[in-house]
Amino acid sequence: MDFDFSIEQIKLVGSEQGYDMTEGTRSFEIFIDNYHAVAFKVVANATSGYIQVHQWEGANGEYGRGVYSLRSYSDVVNFCNILVASANIRARR
C-alpha cells in the first residue's frame, strides 16, 4: 500500500467534510471542533507496514491507544467512511 497516496485520500476526505488538520505527512491530527468532539491522530509507520489511527480520549487530555489499523486501500476507504459518518452525525455542542 502506498502510504503517501493513502494519507492524501484521508486528508482530502477530511477537508471535504470540514475537518481541521495539523501539519504533517506521516503523523497528523484530524478533528472537528475546538474541544475534539471528533478527533483522530493518524500515524503512518513504514516499519510496521500500516497506518495506525488513535482516537481522542478527552478524559486524559490525550489520544488513546490505536483503534484502527489501516493495512489496505479498503481499510483506508472504511476509515474515510468513518470520517464522513462522524461529521454528519456528531453532537453539535
Protein backbone atom coordinates (compact mmCIF):
# COMPACT_ATOMS: atom_id res chain seq x y z
CA MET A 1 0.00 0.00 0.00
CA ASP A 2 1.28 3.44 -0.94
CA PHE A 3 1.30 5.45 2.31
CA ASP A 4 1.53 8.83 0.59
CA PHE A 5 -1.50 8.11 -1.60
CA SER A 6 -3.47 6.75 1.37
CA ILE A 7 -2.67 9.75 3.58
CA GLU A 8 -3.59 12.08 0.73
CA GLN A 9 -7.00 10.40 0.41
CA ILE A 10 -7.66 10.67 4.15
CA LYS A 11 -6.74 14.36 4.09
CA LEU A 12 -8.89 15.05 1.02
CA VAL A 13 -11.95 13.41 2.56
CA GLY A 14 -11.31 15.14 5.87
CA SER A 15 -11.02 18.53 4.20
CA GLU A 16 -14.16 17.93 2.17
CA GLN A 17 -16.07 17.05 5.36
CA GLY A 18 -14.92 20.13 7.27
CA TYR A 19 -12.23 18.61 9.48
CA ASP A 20 -9.24 20.67 10.63
CA MET A 21 -5.82 19.07 10.35
CA THR A 22 -2.41 19.67 11.82
CA GLU A 23 0.67 19.76 9.64
CA GLY A 24 2.47 16.51 8.90
CA THR A 25 2.92 13.97 6.17
CA ARG A 26 3.23 10.78 8.21
CA SER A 27 1.75 11.89 11.53
CA PHE A 28 -1.06 14.40 11.94
CA GLU A 29 -4.26 15.14 13.83
CA ILE A 30 -7.63 15.39 12.09
CA PHE A 31 -10.52 16.84 14.10
CA ILE A 32 -13.78 18.77 14.20
CA ASP A 33 -14.43 21.33 16.94
CA ASN A 34 -12.07 23.02 19.36
CA TYR A 35 -12.96 20.55 22.06
CA HIS A 36 -12.18 17.49 19.98
CA ALA A 37 -15.77 16.34 19.56
CA VAL A 38 -14.49 14.06 16.79
CA ALA A 39 -10.72 13.70 16.67
CA PHE A 40 -8.15 11.21 15.46
CA LYS A 41 -4.37 11.06 15.30
CA VAL A 42 -3.14 9.34 12.14
CA VAL A 43 0.34 7.81 12.13
CA ALA A 44 1.80 6.12 9.06
CA ASN A 45 4.62 3.85 10.19
CA ALA A 46 6.60 2.31 7.35
CA THR A 47 8.40 -0.10 9.67
CA SER A 48 5.12 -1.62 10.87
CA GLY A 49 3.62 -1.60 7.38
CA TYR A 50 0.32 0.07 8.24
CA ILE A 51 -1.34 3.34 9.22
CA GLN A 52 -2.44 3.47 12.83
CA VAL A 53 -5.35 5.66 13.95
CA HIS A 54 -5.78 6.80 17.55
CA GLN A 55 -9.00 8.30 18.90
CA TRP A 56 -9.20 11.31 21.23
CA GLU A 57 -9.86 10.42 24.85
CA GLY A 58 -10.87 13.72 26.41
CA ALA A 59 -10.78 12.47 29.99
CA ASN A 60 -6.99 12.27 29.96
CA GLY A 61 -6.50 15.13 27.52
CA GLU A 62 -4.67 12.94 25.04
CA TYR A 63 -5.06 10.36 22.33
CA GLY A 64 -5.56 6.78 23.42
CA ARG A 65 -4.26 3.54 22.03
CA GLY A 66 -4.66 2.80 18.35
CA VAL A 67 -8.26 1.93 17.48
CA TYR A 68 -7.81 1.29 13.75
CA SER A 69 -5.02 -0.33 11.75
CA LEU A 70 -5.23 0.56 8.07
CA ARG A 71 -3.41 -2.18 6.16
CA SER A 72 -5.09 -1.97 2.75
CA TYR A 73 -6.83 0.52 0.49
CA SER A 74 -10.15 -0.97 1.61
CA ASP A 75 -9.22 -0.13 5.21
CA VAL A 76 -8.44 3.44 4.15
CA VAL A 77 -11.83 3.69 2.42
CA ASN A 78 -13.56 2.34 5.53
CA PHE A 79 -11.79 4.91 7.71
CA CYS A 80 -12.81 7.66 5.28
CA ASN A 81 -16.39 6.41 5.67
CA ILE A 82 -15.98 6.80 9.43
CA LEU A 83 -14.85 10.40 8.87
CA VAL A 84 -17.89 11.11 6.70
CA ALA A 85 -20.33 9.45 9.11
CA SER A 86 -18.77 11.13 12.16
CA ALA A 87 -19.01 14.55 10.54
CA ASN A 88 -22.68 14.00 9.71
CA ILE A 89 -23.97 12.57 12.98
CA ARG A 90 -21.77 14.15 15.66
CA ALA A 91 -23.34 16.01 18.54
CA ARG A 92 -23.27 19.73 17.95
CA ARG A 93 -22.40 21.42 21.22
